[in-house]
Amino acid sequence: MIADPREAMLKLDNQLCFALVTAARNVVAIYRPILEPLGLTHPQYLVMLALWERSP
């Protein structure tokens, strides 16, 4: 048990950045089987979406 609340803030479970990275990795893992046959990575897919949105 951690007595000092400042130390509790340092626990990995209390880090927002860790939760965000974990969520991002899960999203990429969900997209991977869809994008792999197209030869695209998730960042490449995002670029394609941006280009498509701005196309004439």
PDB file of N, CA and C in Angstrom:
ATOM      1  N   MET A   1       0.841  -1.185   0.000  1.00  0.00           N
ATOM      2  CA  MET A   1       0.000   0.000   0.000  1.00  0.00           C
ATOM      3  C   MET A   1       0.883   1.244   0.000  1.00  0.00           C
ATOM      4  N   ILE A   2       0.477   2.236  -0.762  1.00  0.00           N
ATOM      5  CA  ILE A   2       1.236   3.481  -0.856  1.00  0.00           C
ATOM      6  C   ILE A   2       0.582   4.520   0.044  1.00  0.00           C
ATOM      7  N   ALA A   3       1.356   5.020   1.023  1.00  0.00           N
ATOM      8  CA  ALA A   3       0.809   5.975   1.992  1.00  0.00           C
ATOM      9  C   ALA A   3       0.793   7.394   1.440  1.00  0.00           C
ATOM     10  N   ASP A   4       1.809   7.747   0.674  1.00  0.00           N
ATOM     11  CA  ASP A   4       1.939   9.112   0.156  1.00  0.00           C
ATOM     12  C   ASP A   4       1.108   9.256  -1.126  1.00  0.00           C
ATOM     13  N   PRO A   5       0.125  10.161  -1.159  1.00  0.00           N
ATOM     14  CA  PRO A   5      -0.703  10.327  -2.362  1.00  0.00           C
ATOM     15  C   PRO A   5       0.116  10.725  -3.588  1.00  0.00           C
ATOM     16  N   ARG A   6       1.239  11.403  -3.367  1.00  0.00           N
ATOM     17  CA  ARG A   6       2.094  11.776  -4.502  1.00  0.00           C
ATOM     18  C   ARG A   6       2.703  10.538  -5.148  1.00  0.00           C
ATOM     19  N   GLU A   7       3.009   9.550  -4.335  1.00  0.00           N
ATOM     20  CA  GLU A   7       3.544   8.299  -4.874  1.00  0.00           C
ATOM     21  C   GLU A   7       2.463   7.536  -5.632  1.00  0.00           C
ATOM     22  N   ALA A   8       1.235   7.609  -5.153  1.00  0.00           N
ATOM     23  CA  ALA A   8       0.129   6.928  -5.831  1.00  0.00           C
ATOM     24  C   ALA A   8      -0.051   7.464  -7.246  1.00  0.00           C
ATOM     25  N   MET A   9       0.204   8.746  -7.435  1.00  0.00           N
ATOM     26  CA  MET A   9       0.077   9.345  -8.770  1.00  0.00           C
ATOM     27  C   MET A   9       1.092   8.763  -9.749  1.00  0.00           C
ATOM     28  N   LEU A  10       2.186   8.219  -9.227  1.00  0.00           N
ATOM     29  CA  LEU A  10       3.232   7.671 -10.080  1.00  0.00           C
ATOM     30  C   LEU A  10       2.968   6.231 -10.497  1.00  0.00           C
ATOM     31  N   LYS A  11       1.961   5.602  -9.899  1.00  0.00           N
ATOM     32  CA  LYS A  11       1.639   4.227 -10.280  1.00  0.00           C
ATOM     33  C   LYS A  11       1.182   4.197 -11.734  1.00  0.00           C
ATOM     34  N   LEU A  12       1.606   3.174 -12.449  1.00  0.00           N
ATOM     35  CA  LEU A  12       1.279   3.046 -13.866  1.00  0.00           C
ATOM     36  C   LEU A  12      -0.229   3.066 -14.104  1.00  0.00           C
ATOM     37  N   ASP A  13      -0.987   2.443 -13.239  1.00  0.00           N
ATOM     38  CA  ASP A  13      -2.449   2.411 -13.390  1.00  0.00           C
ATOM     39  C   ASP A  13      -3.082   3.795 -13.286  1.00  0.00           C
ATOM     40  N   ASN A  14      -2.383   4.741 -12.707  1.00  0.00           N
ATOM     41  CA  ASN A  14      -2.913   6.096 -12.540  1.00  0.00           C
ATOM     42  C   ASN A  14      -2.395   7.071 -13.592  1.00  0.00           C
ATOM     43  N   GLN A  15      -1.672   6.578 -14.568  1.00  0.00           N
ATOM     44  CA  GLN A  15      -1.084   7.440 -15.591  1.00  0.00           C
ATOM     45  C   GLN A  15      -2.005   7.503 -16.814  1.00  0.00           C
ATOM     46  N   LEU A  16      -2.510   8.675 -17.110  1.00  0.00           N
ATOM     47  CA  LEU A  16      -3.366   8.858 -18.279  1.00  0.00           C
ATOM     48  C   LEU A  16      -2.619   8.512 -19.558  1.00  0.00           C
ATOM     49  N   CYS A  17      -1.355   8.877 -19.640  1.00  0.00           N
ATOM     50  CA  CYS A  17      -0.582   8.616 -20.852  1.00  0.00           C
ATOM     51  C   CYS A  17      -0.509   7.115 -21.138  1.00  0.00           C
ATOM     52  N   PHE A  18      -0.392   6.296 -20.105  1.00  0.00           N
ATOM     53  CA  PHE A  18      -0.335   4.848 -20.305  1.00  0.00           C
ATOM     54  C   PHE A  18      -1.666   4.330 -20.845  1.00  0.00           C
ATOM     55  N   ALA A  19      -2.761   4.823 -20.307  1.00  0.00           N
ATOM     56  CA  ALA A  19      -4.085   4.409 -20.789  1.00  0.00           C
ATOM     57  C   ALA A  19      -4.286   4.812 -22.246  1.00  0.00           C
ATOM     58  N   LEU A  20      -3.820   5.999 -22.618  1.00  0.00           N
ATOM     59  CA  LEU A  20      -3.968   6.465 -23.997  1.00  0.00           C
ATOM     60  C   LEU A  20      -3.134   5.636 -24.966  1.00  0.00           C
ATOM     61  N   VAL A  21      -1.914   5.323 -24.582  1.00  0.00           N
ATOM     62  CA  VAL A  21      -1.058   4.496 -25.441  1.00  0.00           C
ATOM     63  C   VAL A  21      -1.660   3.106 -25.601  1.00  0.00           C
ATOM     64  N   THR A  22      -2.181   2.561 -24.533  1.00  0.00           N
ATOM     65  CA  THR A  22      -2.810   1.244 -24.590  1.00  0.00           C
ATOM     66  C   THR A  22      -4.020   1.262 -25.515  1.00  0.00           C
ATOM     67  N   ALA A  23      -4.839   2.283 -25.411  1.00  0.00           N
ATOM     68  CA  ALA A  23      -6.018   2.403 -26.284  1.00  0.00           C
ATOM     69  C   ALA A  23      -5.596   2.552 -27.741  1.00  0.00           C
ATOM     70  N   ALA A  24      -4.584   3.364 -28.006  1.00  0.00           N
ATOM     71  CA  ALA A  24      -4.111   3.570 -29.381  1.00  0.00           C
ATOM     72  C   ALA A  24      -3.590   2.261 -29.969  1.00  0.00           C
ATOM     73  N   ARG A  25      -2.841   1.512 -29.191  1.00  0.00           N
ATOM     74  CA  ARG A  25      -2.326   0.222 -29.673  1.00  0.00           C
ATOM     75  C   ARG A  25      -3.467  -0.747 -29.977  1.00  0.00           C
ATOM     76  N   ASN A  26      -4.517  -0.717 -29.168  1.00  0.00           N
ATOM     77  CA  ASN A  26      -5.668  -1.587 -29.407  1.00  0.00           C
ATOM     78  C   ASN A  26      -6.401  -1.202 -30.683  1.00  0.00           C
ATOM     79  N   VAL A  27      -6.532   0.086 -30.941  1.00  0.00           N
ATOM     80  CA  VAL A  27      -7.184   0.544 -32.175  1.00  0.00           C
ATOM     81  C   VAL A  27      -6.384   0.090 -33.387  1.00  0.00           C
ATOM     82  N   VAL A  28      -5.077   0.268 -33.350  1.00  0.00           N
ATOM     83  CA  VAL A  28      -4.219  -0.150 -34.462  1.00  0.00           C
ATOM     84  C   VAL A  28      -4.339  -1.658 -34.671  1.00  0.00           C
ATOM     85  N   ALA A  29      -4.398  -2.423 -33.599  1.00  0.00           N
ATOM     86  CA  ALA A  29      -4.534  -3.876 -33.711  1.00  0.00           C
ATOM     87  C   ALA A  29      -5.856  -4.270 -34.361  1.00  0.00           C
ATOM     88  N   ILE A  30      -6.910  -3.517 -34.096  1.00  0.00           N
ATOM     89  CA  ILE A  30      -8.212  -3.802 -34.714  1.00  0.00           C
ATOM     90  C   ILE A  30      -8.172  -3.511 -36.211  1.00  0.00           C
ATOM     91  N   TYR A  31      -7.513  -2.441 -36.604  1.00  0.00           N
ATOM     92  CA  TYR A  31      -7.437  -2.060 -38.012  1.00  0.00           C
ATOM     93  C   TYR A  31      -6.482  -2.940 -38.821  1.00  0.00           C
ATOM     94  N   ARG A  32      -5.467  -3.521 -38.175  1.00  0.00           N
ATOM     95  CA  ARG A  32      -4.417  -4.250 -38.892  1.00  0.00           C
ATOM     96  C   ARG A  32      -4.948  -5.299 -39.859  1.00  0.00           C
ATOM     97  N   PRO A  33      -5.858  -6.201 -39.463  1.00  0.00           N
ATOM     98  CA  PRO A  33      -6.315  -7.222 -40.411  1.00  0.00           C
ATOM     99  C   PRO A  33      -7.097  -6.644 -41.592  1.00  0.00           C
ATOM    100  N   ILE A  34      -7.665  -5.474 -41.419  1.00  0.00           N
ATOM    101  CA  ILE A  34      -8.405  -4.829 -42.506  1.00  0.00           C
ATOM    102  C   ILE A  34      -7.445  -4.144 -43.469  1.00  0.00           C
ATOM    103  N   LEU A  35      -6.420  -3.506 -42.927  1.00  0.00           N
ATOM    104  CA  LEU A  35      -5.500  -2.719 -43.744  1.00  0.00           C
ATOM    105  C   LEU A  35      -4.386  -3.547 -44.370  1.00  0.00           C
ATOM    106  N   GLU A  36      -4.016  -4.656 -43.739  1.00  0.00           N
ATOM    107  CA  GLU A  36      -2.902  -5.465 -44.227  1.00  0.00           C
ATOM    108  C   GLU A  36      -3.094  -5.933 -45.670  1.00  0.00           C
ATOM    109  N   PRO A  37      -4.271  -6.448 -46.056  1.00  0.00           N
ATOM    110  CA  PRO A  37      -4.453  -6.862 -47.448  1.00  0.00           C
ATOM    111  C   PRO A  37      -4.330  -5.701 -48.440  1.00  0.00           C
ATOM    112  N   LEU A  38      -4.537  -4.487 -47.970  1.00  0.00           N
ATOM    113  CA  LEU A  38      -4.415  -3.306 -48.823  1.00  0.00           C
ATOM    114  C   LEU A  38      -2.985  -2.780 -48.860  1.00  0.00           C
ATOM    115  N   GLY A  39      -2.114  -3.373 -48.057  1.00  0.00           N
ATOM    116  CA  GLY A  39      -0.728  -2.929 -48.002  1.00  0.00           C
ATOM    117  C   GLY A  39      -0.562  -1.595 -47.300  1.00  0.00           C
ATOM    118  N   LEU A  40      -1.482  -1.285 -46.381  1.00  0.00           N
ATOM    119  CA  LEU A  40      -1.431  -0.007 -45.670  1.00  0.00           C
ATOM    120  C   LEU A  40      -1.189  -0.217 -44.183  1.00  0.00           C
ATOM    121  N   THR A  41      -0.433   0.701 -43.609  1.00  0.00           N
ATOM    122  CA  THR A  41      -0.316   0.766 -42.157  1.00  0.00           C
ATOM    123  C   THR A  41      -1.388   1.733 -41.662  1.00  0.00           C
ATOM    124  N   HIS A  42      -1.598   1.776 -40.360  1.00  0.00           N
ATOM    125  CA  HIS A  42      -2.606   2.688 -39.825  1.00  0.00           C
ATOM    126  C   HIS A  42      -2.263   4.150 -40.116  1.00  0.00           C
ATOM    127  N   PRO A  43      -1.003   4.599 -39.941  1.00  0.00           N
ATOM    128  CA  PRO A  43      -0.686   5.992 -40.301  1.00  0.00           C
ATOM    129  C   PRO A  43      -0.909   6.277 -41.793  1.00  0.00           C
ATOM    130  N   GLN A  44      -0.576   5.322 -42.653  1.00  0.00           N
ATOM    131  CA  GLN A  44      -0.814   5.510 -44.088  1.00  0.00           C
ATOM    132  C   GLN A  44      -2.306   5.625 -44.375  1.00  0.00           C
ATOM    133  N   TYR A  45      -3.106   4.828 -43.683  1.00  0.00           N
ATOM    134  CA  TYR A  45      -4.557   4.890 -43.834  1.00  0.00           C
ATOM    135  C   TYR A  45      -5.086   6.263 -43.437  1.00  0.00           C
ATOM    136  N   LEU A  46      -4.570   6.811 -42.345  1.00  0.00           N
ATOM    137  CA  LEU A  46      -5.002   8.141 -41.904  1.00  0.00           C
ATOM    138  C   LEU A  46      -4.646   9.208 -42.933  1.00  0.00           C
ATOM    139  N   VAL A  47      -3.474   9.082 -43.547  1.00  0.00           N
ATOM    140  CA  VAL A  47      -3.083  10.027 -44.602  1.00  0.00           C
ATOM    141  C   VAL A  47      -4.020   9.890 -45.794  1.00  0.00           C
ATOM    142  N   MET A  48      -4.336   8.658 -46.166  1.00  0.00           N
ATOM    143  CA  MET A  48      -5.263   8.445 -47.287  1.00  0.00           C
ATOM    144  C   MET A  48      -6.628   9.070 -46.988  1.00  0.00           C
ATOM    145  N   LEU A  49      -7.111   8.947 -45.769  1.00  0.00           N
ATOM    146  CA  LEU A  49      -8.381   9.570 -45.395  1.00  0.00           C
ATOM    147  C   LEU A  49      -8.313  11.089 -45.522  1.00  0.00           C
ATOM    148  N   ALA A  50      -7.208  11.667 -45.066  1.00  0.00           N
ATOM    149  CA  ALA A  50      -7.046  13.124 -45.144  1.00  0.00           C
ATOM    150  C   ALA A  50      -6.999  13.581 -46.594  1.00  0.00           C
ATOM    151  N   LEU A  51      -6.276  12.850 -47.440  1.00  0.00           N
ATOM    152  CA  LEU A  51      -6.204  13.210 -48.861  1.00  0.00           C
ATOM    153  C   LEU A  51      -7.568  13.067 -49.527  1.00  0.00           C
ATOM    154  N   TRP A  52      -8.283  11.999 -49.220  1.00  0.00           N
ATOM    155  CA  TRP A  52      -9.595  11.779 -49.807  1.00  0.00           C
ATOM    156  C   TRP A  52     -10.560  12.890 -49.398  1.00  0.00           C
ATOM    157  N   GLU A  53     -10.484  13.301 -48.142  1.00  0.00           N
ATOM    158  CA  GLU A  53     -11.374  14.343 -47.641  1.00  0.00           C
ATOM    159  C   GLU A  53     -11.140  15.675 -48.350  1.00  0.00           C
ATOM    160  N   ARG A  54      -9.900  15.936 -48.741  1.00  0.00           N
ATOM    161  CA  ARG A  54      -9.563  17.209 -49.365  1.00  0.00           C
ATOM    162  C   ARG A  54      -9.514  17.143 -50.890  1.00  0.00           C
ATOM    163  N   SER A  55      -9.822  15.984 -51.461  1.00  0.00           N
ATOM    164  CA  SER A  55      -9.743  15.853 -52.918  1.00  0.00           C
ATOM    165  C   SER A  55     -10.839  16.683 -53.584  1.00  0.00           C
ATOM    166  N   PRO A  56     -10.543  17.166 -54.785  1.00  0.00           N
ATOM    167  CA  PRO A  56     -11.552  17.987 -55.495  1.00  0.00           C
ATOM    168  C   PRO A  56     -12.757  17.185 -55.944  1.00  0.00           C
TER     169      PRO A  56
END
